[in-house]
Amino acid sequence: MNAYLECNPEVKEALEAGKPVVALETTIISHGFNYPENLDCAQTCERVIREEGAVPATIGIVRGKIKIGLSGEEIRYFAEHREVPKCSRRDAAAIIARGEYGAGTVAATMLFASMAGIRFFATGGIGGVHRGAQQTFDISADLEELARTDVAVVCAGAKSILDIPLTLEYLETAGVTVLGFQTGEFPAFYTRKSGSTVDYRVESAEEAARIVKTKTELGIQNGLLITVPIPEKDELNPVYINDNIVRALEAAENQEIRGKATTPFLLAELHRTTGGKSVAANKALVFNNSRIAAKIAAAYCSLQPASPGL
């Protein structure tokens, strides 16, 4: 095992026995929601995954160690300390060398999950190409990680604050397959439709698992994106949320918000302007993604004999 990696005994045992494991990120805890709903969200995601027969592995950097499967006390620390820095691939070595805490982004969580042998990761939505990126070159590192790291990411598409058509163009160029779970349309986080299509529609966890297994057997080393629409009852009105997004983008521009601060700022603005409706939708889709990811991971493990993950 990597010297900087510490694996929770339950997660290690599950990987060695070929049991389903689903990774979860810590940026959504420290930067996605306010306390204490961020703690409740993290605990609920883990519970939902267990209900489907899989083992959750919340991942973060704790005192210079990559922890695969945080304890309850460690999850609470990330929830209570919202000043913990976001950690992407570029930040990992510096944060670890300094012995600090780091909240893993989608990109970092993919990287760390791959190091541990975890094949499935549930999150809310991936980062992507930001609106106006033709001028700013603001493109999330999540897309590069999907291009290079062999982990299947289950999400509700890309955050609707992004330029979704350009995000999909980037993924196509990178050779990343985009699946739609019971949908032919790429979901837009708060809404079930974006106007853009996925590469392939799958109807069940078993079908998605077979595609992941085949990709692995072919030796294709990049990631795979499995998109799941927000449950219909939790979807926000597309016109309503887009109007709020436009106002949030204008606020970010006026305040000269740039780089890694952009997404947290925009999400906080949406929370404020929608009176919390965006947060309720965000939580609903994260729980749904966690459940679907656990189902796919379980289906994947049933397709092949147990093999050590570490």
Protein backbone atom coordinates (compact mmCIF):
# COMPACT_ATOMS: atom_id res chain seq x y z
CA MET A 1 0.00 0.00 0.00
CA ASN A 2 1.10 3.58 -0.64
CA ALA A 3 2.95 4.84 2.45
CA TYR A 4 0.69 7.89 2.65
CA LEU A 5 -2.52 5.83 2.49
CA GLU A 6 -4.38 4.66 5.59
CA CYS A 7 -7.34 2.38 4.95
CA ASN A 8 -10.16 1.85 7.41
CA PRO A 9 -10.16 -1.87 8.45
CA GLU A 10 -13.76 -2.34 7.30
CA VAL A 11 -12.97 -0.90 3.86
CA LYS A 12 -9.72 -2.90 3.58
CA GLU A 13 -11.51 -6.13 4.45
CA ALA A 14 -14.28 -5.42 1.92
CA LEU A 15 -11.77 -4.73 -0.87
CA GLU A 16 -9.77 -7.86 -0.11
CA ALA A 17 -12.97 -9.93 -0.11
CA GLY A 18 -14.19 -8.45 -3.40
CA LYS A 19 -17.20 -6.77 -1.74
CA PRO A 20 -18.75 -3.55 -3.07
CA VAL A 21 -17.18 -0.30 -1.86
CA VAL A 22 -18.27 3.23 -2.80
CA ALA A 23 -16.03 6.26 -2.29
CA LEU A 24 -17.40 9.59 -1.04
CA GLU A 25 -15.71 13.00 -1.07
CA THR A 26 -15.04 15.47 1.75
CA THR A 27 -15.26 18.78 -0.15
CA ILE A 28 -19.03 18.36 -0.14
CA ILE A 29 -18.82 18.18 3.67
CA SER A 30 -16.51 21.12 4.35
CA HIS A 31 -17.59 23.37 1.49
CA GLY A 32 -20.92 22.10 0.16
CA PHE A 33 -23.29 22.68 3.08
CA ASN A 34 -23.44 24.59 6.34
CA TYR A 35 -23.04 22.87 9.70
CA PRO A 36 -24.82 20.78 10.94
CA GLU A 37 -26.62 19.80 7.72
CA ASN A 38 -23.25 18.92 6.16
CA LEU A 39 -22.72 16.35 8.92
CA ASP A 40 -26.22 14.97 8.44
CA CYS A 41 -25.64 14.77 4.68
CA ALA A 42 -22.37 12.85 5.08
CA GLN A 43 -23.92 10.43 7.56
CA THR A 44 -26.98 9.89 5.37
CA CYS A 45 -24.85 9.13 2.30
CA GLU A 46 -22.99 6.46 4.25
CA ARG A 47 -26.24 5.01 5.59
CA VAL A 48 -27.83 4.86 2.13
CA ILE A 49 -24.82 3.01 0.74
CA ARG A 50 -24.95 0.48 3.58
CA GLU A 51 -28.67 -0.07 3.00
CA GLU A 52 -27.80 -1.29 -0.51
CA GLY A 53 -25.23 -3.79 0.80
CA ALA A 54 -22.08 -1.81 0.01
CA VAL A 55 -19.39 -0.29 2.23
CA PRO A 56 -18.97 3.50 2.20
CA ALA A 57 -15.47 4.98 2.12
CA THR A 58 -15.46 8.71 2.80
CA ILE A 59 -12.03 9.98 1.77
CA GLY A 60 -10.00 12.96 2.99
CA ILE A 61 -6.52 14.00 4.09
CA VAL A 62 -6.07 13.89 7.87
CA ARG A 63 -2.82 15.21 9.33
CA GLY A 64 -0.89 14.41 6.19
CA LYS A 65 -2.39 10.97 5.58
CA ILE A 66 -4.91 9.98 2.92
CA LYS A 67 -7.65 8.34 4.96
CA ILE A 68 -9.75 5.82 3.02
CA GLY A 69 -12.89 5.47 5.11
CA LEU A 70 -13.08 8.26 7.69
CA SER A 71 -14.25 7.54 11.21
CA GLY A 72 -17.33 9.25 12.58
CA GLU A 73 -15.14 11.64 14.57
CA GLU A 74 -13.11 12.52 11.46
CA ILE A 75 -16.24 13.20 9.42
CA ARG A 76 -17.45 15.48 12.20
CA TYR A 77 -14.14 17.36 12.08
CA PHE A 78 -14.57 18.09 8.36
CA ALA A 79 -18.16 19.19 9.02
CA GLU A 80 -17.23 21.53 11.87
CA HIS A 81 -14.09 22.99 10.26
CA ARG A 82 -15.23 24.61 7.05
CA GLU A 83 -11.85 26.31 6.72
CA VAL A 84 -10.23 23.00 5.74
CA PRO A 85 -8.76 23.70 2.29
CA LYS A 86 -10.10 22.09 -0.85
CA CYS A 87 -7.62 19.55 -2.17
CA SER A 88 -7.38 18.67 -5.86
CA ARG A 89 -4.60 16.65 -7.54
CA ARG A 90 -2.31 19.70 -7.65
CA ASP A 91 -2.66 20.30 -3.90
CA ALA A 92 -2.21 16.74 -2.62
CA ALA A 93 1.59 16.61 -2.27
CA ALA A 94 1.85 20.00 -0.56
CA ILE A 95 -0.96 19.33 1.92
CA ILE A 96 0.33 15.85 2.75
CA ALA A 97 3.96 17.00 3.12
CA ARG A 98 2.86 19.70 5.56
CA GLY A 99 0.88 17.24 7.66
CA GLU A 100 -2.36 19.18 7.18
CA TYR A 101 -6.03 18.40 6.58
CA GLY A 102 -7.45 18.50 3.05
CA ALA A 103 -11.02 18.12 1.77
CA GLY A 104 -10.86 16.08 -1.41
CA THR A 105 -12.52 17.40 -4.55
CA VAL A 106 -13.95 15.07 -7.19
CA ALA A 107 -10.53 14.96 -8.87
CA ALA A 108 -8.61 14.18 -5.68
CA THR A 109 -11.17 11.64 -4.49
CA MET A 110 -10.93 9.81 -7.82
CA LEU A 111 -7.15 9.76 -7.51
CA PHE A 112 -7.17 8.50 -3.91
CA ALA A 113 -9.92 5.94 -4.58
CA SER A 114 -7.89 4.57 -7.49
CA MET A 115 -4.81 4.26 -5.24
CA ALA A 116 -6.88 2.15 -2.84
CA GLY A 117 -8.46 -0.02 -5.55
CA ILE A 118 -11.96 1.44 -5.24
CA ARG A 119 -13.77 1.47 -8.57
CA PHE A 120 -16.93 3.46 -7.75
CA PHE A 121 -17.40 6.98 -6.43
CA ALA A 122 -20.65 8.80 -5.69
CA THR A 123 -20.82 12.58 -5.71
CA GLY A 124 -23.30 15.38 -6.41
CA GLY A 125 -22.13 16.79 -9.72
CA ILE A 126 -18.78 17.02 -11.45
CA GLY A 127 -16.99 20.26 -12.25
CA GLY A 128 -16.62 21.18 -15.88
CA VAL A 129 -16.09 23.98 -18.35
CA HIS A 130 -17.24 27.24 -16.80
CA ARG A 131 -19.39 29.68 -18.70
CA GLY A 132 -17.10 32.13 -20.48
CA ALA A 133 -14.16 29.72 -20.42
CA GLN A 134 -13.28 30.82 -23.96
CA GLN A 135 -11.88 33.94 -22.28
CA THR A 136 -11.01 32.73 -18.76
CA PHE A 137 -9.81 29.15 -19.48
CA ASP A 138 -11.63 28.16 -16.27
CA ILE A 139 -11.97 24.39 -16.65
CA SER A 140 -12.31 22.03 -13.70
CA ALA A 141 -9.54 19.55 -12.95
CA ASP A 142 -12.34 16.97 -12.57
CA LEU A 143 -12.40 16.59 -16.35
CA GLU A 144 -8.67 15.88 -16.59
CA GLU A 145 -9.00 13.34 -13.78
CA LEU A 146 -11.80 11.59 -15.65
CA ALA A 147 -9.47 11.48 -18.66
CA ARG A 148 -6.72 9.67 -16.75
CA THR A 149 -8.06 7.81 -13.68
CA ASP A 150 -9.93 4.50 -13.85
CA VAL A 151 -12.86 5.17 -11.50
CA ALA A 152 -16.57 5.17 -12.36
CA VAL A 153 -18.15 8.39 -11.10
CA VAL A 154 -21.88 8.39 -10.34
CA CYS A 155 -23.30 11.92 -10.35
CA ALA A 156 -26.24 14.10 -11.36
CA GLY A 157 -24.33 15.39 -14.38
CA ALA A 158 -22.45 18.68 -14.25
CA LYS A 159 -23.45 21.56 -12.03
CA SER A 160 -25.84 23.77 -13.96
CA ILE A 161 -23.67 26.81 -13.20
CA LEU A 162 -21.37 25.42 -15.94
CA ASP A 163 -21.38 25.34 -19.74
CA ILE A 164 -22.73 21.83 -20.19
CA PRO A 165 -22.33 21.49 -24.00
CA LEU A 166 -18.66 22.50 -23.75
CA THR A 167 -18.16 20.17 -20.80
CA LEU A 168 -19.47 17.26 -22.88
CA GLU A 169 -17.24 18.28 -25.81
CA TYR A 170 -14.25 18.15 -23.47
CA LEU A 171 -15.22 14.70 -22.19
CA GLU A 172 -15.64 13.44 -25.76
CA THR A 173 -12.15 14.64 -26.67
CA ALA A 174 -10.77 12.94 -23.56
CA GLY A 175 -12.42 9.65 -24.52
CA VAL A 176 -14.63 9.51 -21.44
CA THR A 177 -17.83 7.51 -21.93
CA VAL A 178 -20.92 9.22 -20.51
CA LEU A 179 -23.79 6.93 -19.51
CA GLY A 180 -27.31 8.03 -18.63
CA PHE A 181 -28.98 5.93 -15.92
CA GLN A 182 -32.52 5.44 -17.24
CA THR A 183 -32.18 8.60 -19.31
CA GLY A 184 -30.93 9.56 -22.75
CA GLU A 185 -30.37 13.17 -21.73
CA PHE A 186 -27.49 14.55 -19.71
CA PRO A 187 -28.88 15.81 -16.39
CA ALA A 188 -28.10 19.35 -15.21
CA PHE A 189 -27.80 18.82 -11.46
CA TYR A 190 -30.86 20.72 -10.18
CA THR A 191 -32.88 19.70 -13.24
CA ARG A 192 -33.36 16.39 -14.99
CA LYS A 193 -32.61 17.68 -18.49
CA SER A 194 -29.99 19.92 -20.04
CA GLY A 195 -30.81 19.71 -23.75
CA SER A 196 -27.66 17.63 -24.35
CA THR A 197 -27.54 13.87 -24.83
CA VAL A 198 -25.44 11.16 -23.20
CA ASP A 199 -23.37 8.65 -25.15
CA TYR A 200 -25.35 5.60 -24.03
CA ARG A 201 -28.49 5.04 -21.99
CA VAL A 202 -28.51 2.17 -19.47
CA GLU A 203 -31.62 0.83 -17.82
CA SER A 204 -30.25 -0.98 -14.78
CA ALA A 205 -27.37 -1.24 -12.34
CA GLU A 206 -26.46 -4.57 -13.91
CA GLU A 207 -26.14 -3.03 -17.39
CA ALA A 208 -23.95 -0.22 -16.07
CA ALA A 209 -21.80 -2.74 -14.16
CA ARG A 210 -21.25 -4.83 -17.31
CA ILE A 211 -19.97 -1.75 -19.14
CA VAL A 212 -17.56 -0.95 -16.29
CA LYS A 213 -16.37 -4.58 -16.25
CA THR A 214 -15.86 -4.66 -20.02
CA LYS A 215 -13.93 -1.38 -19.96
CA THR A 216 -11.67 -2.81 -17.26
CA GLU A 217 -11.08 -6.02 -19.20
CA LEU A 218 -10.20 -4.01 -22.29
CA GLY A 219 -7.52 -2.21 -20.31
CA ILE A 220 -9.04 1.24 -20.88
CA GLN A 221 -7.54 3.34 -18.10
CA ASN A 222 -9.60 6.52 -18.04
CA GLY A 223 -12.70 7.16 -15.96
CA LEU A 224 -16.34 6.60 -16.78
CA LEU A 225 -19.23 8.93 -16.00
CA ILE A 226 -22.60 7.52 -14.93
CA THR A 227 -25.17 10.29 -14.79
CA VAL A 228 -28.36 10.00 -12.74
CA PRO A 229 -31.15 12.60 -12.95
CA ILE A 230 -32.31 14.22 -9.73
CA PRO A 231 -35.54 12.51 -8.56
CA GLU A 232 -38.50 14.11 -10.31
CA LYS A 233 -40.14 15.22 -7.05
CA ASP A 234 -37.00 17.13 -6.05
CA GLU A 235 -36.29 18.83 -9.39
CA LEU A 236 -36.25 22.64 -9.51
CA ASN A 237 -37.99 24.59 -12.24
CA PRO A 238 -35.40 25.07 -15.05
CA VAL A 239 -36.27 28.71 -15.75
CA TYR A 240 -36.32 29.59 -12.05
CA ILE A 241 -32.93 28.05 -11.25
CA ASN A 242 -31.27 29.35 -14.42
CA ASP A 243 -32.40 32.91 -13.58
CA ASN A 244 -30.83 32.53 -10.16
CA ILE A 245 -27.64 31.11 -11.68
CA VAL A 246 -27.33 34.10 -14.02
CA ARG A 247 -27.63 36.47 -11.05
CA ALA A 248 -25.06 34.45 -9.08
CA LEU A 249 -22.62 34.58 -12.00
CA GLU A 250 -23.07 38.35 -12.21
CA ALA A 251 -22.37 38.64 -8.48
CA ALA A 252 -19.21 36.56 -8.87
CA GLU A 253 -18.04 38.77 -11.73
CA ASN A 254 -18.76 41.96 -9.78
CA GLN A 255 -16.84 40.65 -6.76
CA GLU A 256 -13.99 39.31 -8.92
CA ILE A 257 -14.37 35.77 -7.61
CA ARG A 258 -11.93 33.48 -9.46
CA GLY A 259 -10.50 29.96 -9.52
CA LYS A 260 -11.33 27.39 -6.84
CA ALA A 261 -13.43 29.95 -4.93
CA THR A 262 -15.92 30.22 -7.80
CA THR A 263 -18.05 27.13 -7.26
CA PRO A 264 -18.46 27.51 -3.45
CA PHE A 265 -19.39 31.17 -3.97
CA LEU A 266 -21.97 30.36 -6.64
CA LEU A 267 -23.53 27.57 -4.57
CA ALA A 268 -23.74 29.87 -1.54
CA GLU A 269 -25.38 32.56 -3.65
CA LEU A 270 -27.93 30.07 -4.94
CA HIS A 271 -28.65 28.96 -1.39
CA ARG A 272 -29.32 32.57 -0.46
CA THR A 273 -31.39 33.60 -3.49
CA THR A 274 -33.51 30.43 -3.60
CA GLY A 275 -34.22 30.48 0.12
CA GLY A 276 -32.59 27.08 0.60
CA LYS A 277 -34.39 25.32 -2.26
CA SER A 278 -31.10 24.66 -4.06
CA VAL A 279 -29.66 23.01 -0.95
CA ALA A 280 -32.69 20.73 -0.55
CA ALA A 281 -32.35 19.66 -4.18
CA ASN A 282 -28.60 19.15 -3.79
CA LYS A 283 -29.08 16.85 -0.81
CA ALA A 284 -31.78 14.84 -2.56
CA LEU A 285 -29.63 14.17 -5.62
CA VAL A 286 -26.56 13.25 -3.55
CA PHE A 287 -28.54 10.67 -1.60
CA ASN A 288 -30.01 9.28 -4.81
CA ASN A 289 -26.56 9.07 -6.45
CA SER A 290 -25.17 7.26 -3.40
CA ARG A 291 -27.92 4.67 -3.62
CA ILE A 292 -27.46 4.08 -7.35
CA ALA A 293 -23.66 3.89 -6.99
CA ALA A 294 -24.03 1.22 -4.30
CA LYS A 295 -26.37 -0.79 -6.52
CA ILE A 296 -23.93 -0.63 -9.45
CA ALA A 297 -20.96 -1.53 -7.24
CA ALA A 298 -22.86 -4.55 -5.88
CA ALA A 299 -23.80 -5.62 -9.40
CA TYR A 300 -20.19 -5.26 -10.52
CA CYS A 301 -18.91 -7.46 -7.69
CA SER A 302 -21.48 -10.14 -8.55
CA LEU A 303 -20.09 -10.35 -12.08
CA GLN A 304 -16.63 -11.56 -11.12
CA PRO A 305 -14.78 -13.59 -8.48
CA ALA A 306 -13.33 -11.80 -5.48
CA SER A 307 -9.96 -10.19 -6.09
CA PRO A 308 -7.79 -8.12 -3.73
CA GLY A 309 -8.31 -4.40 -4.03
CA LEU A 310 -5.20 -3.51 -2.09
